[in-house]
Amino acid sequence: MSKKEDKIKDYNPDSVGAHNGNLFGLPFSVEECEVVILPVPWEATVSYRSGTAFGPQAILHASPQLDLLVSDIKDAWKIGIGMLPISQDWLELNIVSRKKATVCIEILENGGDPNNEGLVQLLRSVNDSCTALHQWVKNSTTEWLDKGKIVGVLGGEHSVALGIIQAMEEKYPSFGILQIDAHTDLRQGYEGFHFSHASIMYNVTQLTNVERLIQVGIRDYCKSEADYAKNSDGRIIIHEDKSIRQRIFEGENWKTICEDIISPLPTHVYISFDIDGLNPALCPNTGTPVPGGLSFEEAFYLIEKIVESGRIIIGFDLCEVSSGNSTVNEWDAIVGARVLYRLSNLTAKSQGRFEKN
């Protein structure tokens, strides 16, 4: 009997959640888990409220109080979901880069000269740090993919997803992305940051192997982003929250709408889940909350339909979870932990991991 099998035999999932340092209080080492979560404590380019760099730690802390039963997946916990250690080196560099970025943003918001040499140097420094971060995320993702693991990235701001998506491009000749988000994130070099959280999907669409980008829950974007999507020849499809609500108000059901959303996706699908795609009642401390949005069950009904369609989820990210500056408000992390658990289980289910194990 293997070490993991021994742990499964001795573990009681109905017992009190253990604060043992593991995600969800599970008994497994990361190496024993089928799903590996890479935490990325980074928020250098956030343009409004901060706090998302501490999202991974908040979710880790909140996760053991989650009940592990999943009604449609027998013994879902046995697959193993493990989180790698949170890098203090990247957290420290994030703090330095965030200070530099804050100076840049303040200069620009107060009408400063964007060509000022001091500003240009600060922007260059932040951009170089972001480039290094994405390379680290890409390399780490590739390392665990090569070991046969499912990899999910836990941000941090949404820009951190670029590295894992770059790794997916090297592994898959063609794949689609389902993005749940309040924003399209299609700005080019927003505020001078090449890798801004508001530019993640613009940067992703520069990758050749990304066949299609489907954006759901969108309710805050600018004309240049709308034009960029419109001129993409169908490669980028925006499902505004307003349009979704109008269809529901006029009698359509969510099942039919989900089928329309999923229809253009190819066989392999990557999920990019910005927590602000949900109704802000579920994530009040996220950096840029917007009225409207999906309910928890609407979001996961959509992802469940992707799995039921026979498509394969190749990886995912969960970003922008923040408890703000509060040390007592854990609601965002509690919701985030449940999003992470469900994303992990559905990804594993789509890949047939439960049957294999």
Protein backbone atom coordinates (compact mmCIF):
# COMPACT_ATOMS: atom_id res chain seq x y z
CA MET A 1 0.00 0.00 0.00
CA SER A 2 1.36 3.45 -0.97
CA LYS A 3 1.91 6.30 1.47
CA LYS A 4 -1.03 8.17 -0.07
CA GLU A 5 -3.28 5.13 0.28
CA ASP A 6 -2.30 4.87 3.95
CA LYS A 7 -3.25 8.51 4.46
CA ILE A 8 -6.60 8.03 2.72
CA LYS A 9 -7.32 5.03 4.94
CA ASP A 10 -6.52 6.96 8.12
CA TYR A 11 -8.15 10.29 7.21
CA ASN A 12 -11.69 11.19 8.27
CA PRO A 13 -13.11 13.87 5.91
CA ASP A 14 -16.03 14.43 8.30
CA SER A 15 -13.76 15.41 11.17
CA VAL A 16 -12.84 18.95 12.24
CA GLY A 17 -10.81 20.73 9.57
CA ALA A 18 -7.14 20.53 10.46
CA HIS A 19 -4.93 23.61 10.34
CA ASN A 20 -1.99 21.44 9.32
CA GLY A 21 -0.50 23.89 6.81
CA ASN A 22 -2.13 22.08 3.89
CA LEU A 23 -4.82 23.44 1.60
CA PHE A 24 -8.28 22.38 2.86
CA GLY A 25 -6.56 20.58 5.74
CA LEU A 26 -5.94 17.55 3.51
CA PRO A 27 -3.35 15.02 4.69
CA PHE A 28 -1.30 14.81 1.49
CA SER A 29 2.06 16.24 0.49
CA VAL A 30 2.07 18.29 -2.71
CA GLU A 31 3.85 15.44 -4.51
CA GLU A 32 1.00 13.08 -3.60
CA CYS A 33 -1.67 15.42 -5.00
CA GLU A 34 -3.11 15.29 -8.50
CA VAL A 35 -3.79 19.04 -8.44
CA VAL A 36 -0.94 21.42 -7.62
CA ILE A 37 -1.71 25.04 -6.80
CA LEU A 38 1.01 27.62 -7.43
CA PRO A 39 0.45 30.70 -5.22
CA VAL A 40 1.66 33.99 -6.70
CA PRO A 41 1.70 36.85 -4.14
CA TRP A 42 1.90 39.70 -6.65
CA GLU A 43 -0.06 42.92 -7.14
CA ALA A 44 2.50 45.39 -8.50
CA THR A 45 0.21 46.92 -11.13
CA VAL A 46 -3.17 47.09 -9.38
CA SER A 47 -4.79 50.39 -10.25
CA TYR A 48 -7.30 50.84 -7.42
CA ARG A 49 -7.49 48.84 -4.17
CA SER A 50 -4.67 46.59 -3.01
CA GLY A 51 -4.61 43.41 -0.91
CA THR A 52 -4.73 40.68 -3.53
CA ALA A 53 -1.05 39.76 -3.00
CA PHE A 54 -2.18 38.29 0.30
CA GLY A 55 -5.02 36.34 -1.30
CA PRO A 56 -3.18 32.99 -1.35
CA GLN A 57 -2.40 33.20 2.37
CA ALA A 58 -5.98 34.22 3.20
CA ILE A 59 -7.43 31.34 1.18
CA LEU A 60 -5.00 28.85 2.73
CA HIS A 61 -6.05 30.03 6.19
CA ALA A 62 -9.79 29.83 5.41
CA SER A 63 -9.71 26.55 3.50
CA PRO A 64 -9.78 23.97 6.35
CA GLN A 65 -13.28 25.04 7.43
CA LEU A 66 -14.67 23.96 4.05
CA ASP A 67 -16.66 20.71 4.02
CA LEU A 68 -15.16 18.31 1.49
CA LEU A 69 -18.29 16.53 0.22
CA VAL A 70 -19.04 17.14 -3.47
CA SER A 71 -22.45 15.74 -4.34
CA ASP A 72 -21.66 14.91 -7.96
CA ILE A 73 -18.10 13.54 -7.44
CA LYS A 74 -17.67 10.59 -5.07
CA ASP A 75 -14.83 11.06 -2.57
CA ALA A 76 -13.60 14.15 -4.41
CA TRP A 77 -11.03 14.94 -1.71
CA LYS A 78 -9.07 11.76 -2.43
CA ILE A 79 -7.67 13.23 -5.65
CA GLY A 80 -5.46 15.49 -3.54
CA ILE A 81 -5.19 19.28 -3.93
CA GLY A 82 -1.95 20.73 -2.62
CA MET A 83 -0.52 24.23 -2.54
CA LEU A 84 3.15 24.99 -2.92
CA PRO A 85 4.81 27.29 -0.35
CA ILE A 86 4.13 31.00 -0.80
CA SER A 87 7.36 32.57 -2.02
CA GLN A 88 8.62 35.23 0.37
CA ASP A 89 11.15 36.36 -2.22
CA TRP A 90 8.40 37.24 -4.71
CA LEU A 91 6.30 38.79 -1.96
CA GLU A 92 9.19 41.06 -0.99
CA LEU A 93 9.89 42.03 -4.60
CA ASN A 94 6.18 42.69 -5.00
CA ILE A 95 6.29 45.20 -2.14
CA VAL A 96 9.22 47.04 -3.75
CA SER A 97 7.63 46.98 -7.22
CA ARG A 98 4.25 48.07 -5.83
CA LYS A 99 5.82 51.17 -4.27
CA LYS A 100 7.40 52.09 -7.60
CA ALA A 101 4.16 51.45 -9.47
CA THR A 102 2.21 53.60 -7.02
CA VAL A 103 4.50 56.55 -7.74
CA CYS A 104 3.99 56.02 -11.50
CA ILE A 105 0.20 55.86 -11.17
CA GLU A 106 0.07 58.99 -9.00
CA ILE A 107 2.18 60.95 -11.50
CA LEU A 108 -0.03 59.92 -14.43
CA GLU A 109 -3.31 60.46 -12.58
CA ASN A 110 -2.18 63.98 -11.68
CA GLY A 111 -1.43 64.88 -15.30
CA GLY A 112 2.33 64.27 -15.20
CA ASP A 113 4.46 63.96 -18.33
CA PRO A 114 4.48 60.27 -19.39
CA ASN A 115 7.88 60.84 -21.02
CA ASN A 116 9.51 62.08 -17.81
CA GLU A 117 12.82 60.22 -17.47
CA GLY A 118 12.26 59.36 -13.82
CA LEU A 119 8.84 57.93 -14.60
CA VAL A 120 10.20 55.97 -17.56
CA GLN A 121 12.89 54.40 -15.37
CA LEU A 122 10.38 53.40 -12.71
CA LEU A 123 8.09 51.85 -15.35
CA ARG A 124 11.01 49.94 -16.82
CA SER A 125 11.92 48.55 -13.42
CA VAL A 126 8.35 47.38 -12.73
CA ASN A 127 8.02 45.89 -16.22
CA ASP A 128 11.32 43.99 -15.81
CA SER A 129 10.14 42.57 -12.49
CA CYS A 130 6.86 41.46 -14.08
CA THR A 131 8.75 39.76 -16.91
CA ALA A 132 10.85 37.83 -14.40
CA LEU A 133 7.76 36.83 -12.44
CA HIS A 134 5.98 35.48 -15.50
CA GLN A 135 9.04 33.45 -16.46
CA TRP A 136 9.09 31.95 -12.96
CA VAL A 137 5.38 31.09 -13.15
CA LYS A 138 5.87 29.55 -16.59
CA ASN A 139 8.87 27.48 -15.49
CA SER A 140 7.13 26.31 -12.30
CA THR A 141 4.00 25.37 -14.23
CA THR A 142 5.99 23.42 -16.80
CA GLU A 143 7.89 21.57 -14.08
CA TRP A 144 4.69 20.26 -12.52
CA LEU A 145 2.96 19.59 -15.84
CA ASP A 146 5.94 17.43 -16.78
CA LYS A 147 5.32 15.44 -13.59
CA GLY A 148 1.79 14.72 -14.78
CA LYS A 149 0.05 17.12 -12.43
CA ILE A 150 -2.87 19.48 -13.01
CA VAL A 151 -1.65 23.01 -12.31
CA GLY A 152 -3.67 25.99 -11.14
CA VAL A 153 -2.31 29.44 -10.35
CA LEU A 154 -3.63 31.35 -7.33
CA GLY A 155 -3.10 35.12 -7.50
CA GLY A 156 -2.39 37.83 -6.80
CA GLU A 157 -3.53 40.23 -9.46
CA HIS A 158 -4.85 38.87 -12.75
CA SER A 159 -1.63 39.57 -14.67
CA VAL A 160 0.06 36.59 -12.97
CA ALA A 161 -1.94 34.24 -15.22
CA LEU A 162 0.26 35.06 -18.22
CA GLY A 163 3.02 32.67 -17.14
CA ILE A 164 0.76 29.62 -16.77
CA ILE A 165 -0.98 30.38 -20.07
CA GLN A 166 2.43 30.66 -21.77
CA ALA A 167 3.25 27.21 -20.39
CA MET A 168 -0.04 25.87 -21.75
CA GLU A 169 0.80 27.27 -25.17
CA GLU A 170 4.01 25.24 -25.23
CA LYS A 171 2.09 22.08 -24.32
CA TYR A 172 -1.05 22.47 -26.46
CA PRO A 173 -1.05 23.44 -30.17
CA SER A 174 -4.55 24.90 -29.81
CA PHE A 175 -6.82 25.77 -26.89
CA GLY A 176 -9.53 28.19 -25.86
CA ILE A 177 -9.92 30.33 -22.78
CA LEU A 178 -13.08 30.88 -20.78
CA GLN A 179 -12.64 34.07 -18.76
CA ILE A 180 -15.03 34.92 -15.94
CA ASP A 181 -14.50 38.59 -15.15
CA ALA A 182 -16.10 41.97 -14.66
CA HIS A 183 -13.51 43.45 -17.06
CA THR A 184 -12.24 42.45 -20.48
CA ASP A 185 -8.60 43.23 -19.55
CA LEU A 186 -7.86 44.05 -23.21
CA ARG A 187 -6.04 47.34 -22.67
CA GLN A 188 -2.60 47.58 -24.25
CA GLY A 189 0.07 48.51 -21.71
CA TYR A 190 -2.36 50.15 -19.29
CA GLU A 191 -0.76 53.03 -17.33
CA GLY A 192 2.55 52.21 -18.99
CA PHE A 193 2.78 48.72 -17.48
CA HIS A 194 3.27 46.19 -20.26
CA PHE A 195 1.96 43.46 -17.96
CA SER A 196 -0.81 45.35 -16.18
CA HIS A 197 -3.65 43.45 -14.57
CA ALA A 198 -5.84 45.37 -17.06
CA SER A 199 -3.76 44.07 -19.99
CA ILE A 200 -3.62 40.33 -19.23
CA MET A 201 -6.02 39.24 -21.98
CA TYR A 202 -4.51 41.60 -24.54
CA ASN A 203 -1.17 39.93 -23.83
CA VAL A 204 -2.76 36.47 -23.94
CA THR A 205 -4.20 37.16 -27.40
CA GLN A 206 -0.65 37.73 -28.65
CA LEU A 207 -0.08 34.00 -28.14
CA THR A 208 -0.57 32.10 -31.37
CA ASN A 209 -2.07 28.92 -29.92
CA VAL A 210 -4.93 30.65 -28.14
CA GLU A 211 -7.69 29.81 -30.61
CA ARG A 212 -10.56 31.63 -28.91
CA LEU A 213 -11.22 33.83 -25.88
CA ILE A 214 -14.73 33.76 -24.41
CA GLN A 215 -15.40 36.45 -21.81
CA VAL A 216 -18.38 36.11 -19.45
CA GLY A 217 -19.86 38.51 -16.91
CA ILE A 218 -18.25 41.59 -18.44
CA ARG A 219 -19.70 44.88 -17.24
CA ASP A 220 -16.88 47.43 -17.29
CA TYR A 221 -14.71 48.09 -20.36
CA CYS A 222 -13.70 50.89 -22.69
CA LYS A 223 -14.18 51.61 -26.40
CA SER A 224 -10.68 50.56 -27.43
CA GLU A 225 -11.25 47.18 -25.79
CA ALA A 226 -14.64 46.80 -27.48
CA ASP A 227 -13.06 47.70 -30.84
CA TYR A 228 -10.20 45.24 -30.29
CA ALA A 229 -12.68 42.42 -29.68
CA LYS A 230 -14.89 43.49 -32.59
CA ASN A 231 -11.91 43.43 -34.96
CA SER A 232 -10.73 39.98 -33.83
CA ASP A 233 -12.79 38.10 -36.47
CA GLY A 234 -14.64 36.16 -33.79
CA ARG A 235 -11.54 35.15 -31.88
CA ILE A 236 -12.71 37.21 -28.89
CA ILE A 237 -16.37 36.93 -27.86
CA ILE A 238 -17.72 39.16 -25.11
CA HIS A 239 -20.81 38.13 -23.14
CA GLU A 240 -21.77 41.26 -21.23
CA ASP A 241 -23.53 40.77 -17.93
CA LYS A 242 -26.19 43.23 -19.15
CA SER A 243 -26.89 41.14 -22.25
CA ILE A 244 -27.05 37.95 -20.20
CA ARG A 245 -29.54 39.52 -17.79
CA GLN A 246 -31.68 40.84 -20.63
CA ARG A 247 -31.92 37.35 -22.11
CA ILE A 248 -32.94 35.94 -18.73
CA PHE A 249 -35.43 38.74 -18.09
CA GLU A 250 -37.03 38.03 -21.48
CA GLY A 251 -37.57 34.36 -20.74
CA GLU A 252 -34.42 32.45 -21.76
CA ASN A 253 -32.94 30.02 -19.27
CA TRP A 254 -29.34 29.84 -18.06
CA LYS A 255 -28.87 26.38 -19.60
CA THR A 256 -29.55 27.70 -23.11
CA ILE A 257 -27.31 30.71 -22.56
CA CYS A 258 -24.50 28.48 -21.29
CA GLU A 259 -24.77 26.29 -24.37
CA ASP A 260 -24.36 29.40 -26.54
CA ILE A 261 -21.34 30.51 -24.51
CA ILE A 262 -19.64 27.12 -24.70
CA SER A 263 -20.38 26.36 -28.35
CA PRO A 264 -17.36 28.17 -29.91
CA LEU A 265 -14.84 26.67 -27.46
CA PRO A 266 -12.40 24.05 -28.80
CA THR A 267 -11.72 20.71 -27.12
CA HIS A 268 -9.07 22.00 -24.74
CA VAL A 269 -10.13 24.85 -22.46
CA TYR A 270 -8.26 26.95 -19.93
CA ILE A 271 -10.32 28.69 -17.20
CA SER A 272 -9.29 32.17 -16.08
CA PHE A 273 -11.40 33.10 -13.06
CA ASP A 274 -11.16 36.68 -11.80
CA ILE A 275 -13.18 36.72 -8.57
CA ASP A 276 -14.75 40.07 -9.53
CA GLY A 277 -16.66 38.24 -12.24
CA LEU A 278 -18.95 37.22 -9.37
CA ASN A 279 -21.46 39.52 -7.75
CA PRO A 280 -19.47 41.83 -5.41
CA ALA A 281 -21.56 40.62 -2.46
CA LEU A 282 -19.31 37.53 -2.76
CA CYS A 283 -16.05 39.49 -3.06
CA PRO A 284 -16.51 42.97 -1.54
CA ASN A 285 -12.79 43.52 -0.97
CA THR A 286 -11.58 42.71 -4.48
CA GLY A 287 -9.58 45.48 -6.13
CA THR A 288 -12.11 46.77 -8.67
CA PRO A 289 -15.62 45.56 -7.76
CA VAL A 290 -18.47 46.29 -10.19
CA PRO A 291 -22.25 45.98 -9.57
CA GLY A 292 -23.86 42.96 -11.21
CA GLY A 293 -22.05 39.73 -11.96
CA LEU A 294 -22.63 36.01 -11.70
CA SER A 295 -23.80 34.11 -8.67
CA PHE A 296 -21.56 31.29 -7.43
CA GLU A 297 -23.86 28.62 -8.81
CA GLU A 298 -24.29 30.38 -12.18
CA ALA A 299 -20.52 30.40 -12.63
CA PHE A 300 -20.10 26.75 -11.77
CA TYR A 301 -23.14 25.60 -13.72
CA LEU A 302 -21.36 27.09 -16.74
CA ILE A 303 -18.10 25.28 -15.96
CA GLU A 304 -19.97 22.04 -15.24
CA LYS A 305 -21.54 22.28 -18.70
CA ILE A 306 -18.06 22.58 -20.21
CA VAL A 307 -17.14 19.31 -18.51
CA GLU A 308 -20.40 17.63 -19.53
CA SER A 309 -19.76 18.65 -23.14
CA GLY A 310 -16.67 16.43 -23.21
CA ARG A 311 -14.21 19.31 -23.34
CA ILE A 312 -11.04 19.03 -21.29
CA ILE A 313 -10.02 21.73 -18.84
CA ILE A 314 -6.22 21.92 -19.11
CA GLY A 315 -5.58 24.33 -16.23
CA PHE A 316 -6.90 27.39 -14.47
CA ASP A 317 -6.17 30.49 -12.47
CA LEU A 318 -8.06 32.19 -9.66
CA CYS A 319 -7.09 35.82 -9.15
CA GLU A 320 -7.97 39.08 -7.39
CA VAL A 321 -9.15 37.51 -4.11
CA SER A 322 -8.47 40.01 -1.34
CA SER A 323 -9.52 40.68 2.22
CA GLY A 324 -8.45 44.28 1.77
CA ASN A 325 -6.73 45.84 4.74
CA SER A 326 -8.94 44.02 7.22
CA THR A 327 -7.51 41.36 9.51
CA VAL A 328 -10.93 40.02 10.47
CA ASN A 329 -12.96 40.04 7.25
CA GLU A 330 -12.46 36.59 5.74
CA TRP A 331 -15.57 36.47 3.54
CA ASP A 332 -13.63 36.92 0.28
CA ALA A 333 -11.22 34.16 1.27
CA ILE A 334 -14.05 31.85 2.32
CA VAL A 335 -15.69 32.28 -1.08
CA GLY A 336 -12.30 32.04 -2.82
CA ALA A 337 -11.51 28.74 -1.11
CA ARG A 338 -14.76 27.27 -2.42
CA VAL A 339 -14.09 28.56 -5.93
CA LEU A 340 -10.63 26.99 -5.80
CA TYR A 341 -11.95 23.63 -4.55
CA ARG A 342 -14.62 23.47 -7.24
CA LEU A 343 -12.24 24.54 -10.02
CA SER A 344 -9.79 21.85 -8.95
CA ASN A 345 -12.42 19.11 -8.83
CA LEU A 346 -14.02 19.97 -12.16
CA THR A 347 -10.65 20.20 -13.89
CA ALA A 348 -9.73 16.77 -12.54
CA LYS A 349 -13.11 15.39 -13.56
CA SER A 350 -12.76 16.69 -17.12
CA GLN A 351 -9.39 14.92 -17.39
CA GLY A 352 -10.75 11.62 -16.07
CA ARG A 353 -8.51 11.75 -13.03
CA PHE A 354 -11.11 10.32 -10.67
CA GLU A 355 -11.57 7.24 -12.83
CA LYS A 356 -7.79 6.77 -13.09
CA ASN A 357 -7.42 6.94 -9.33
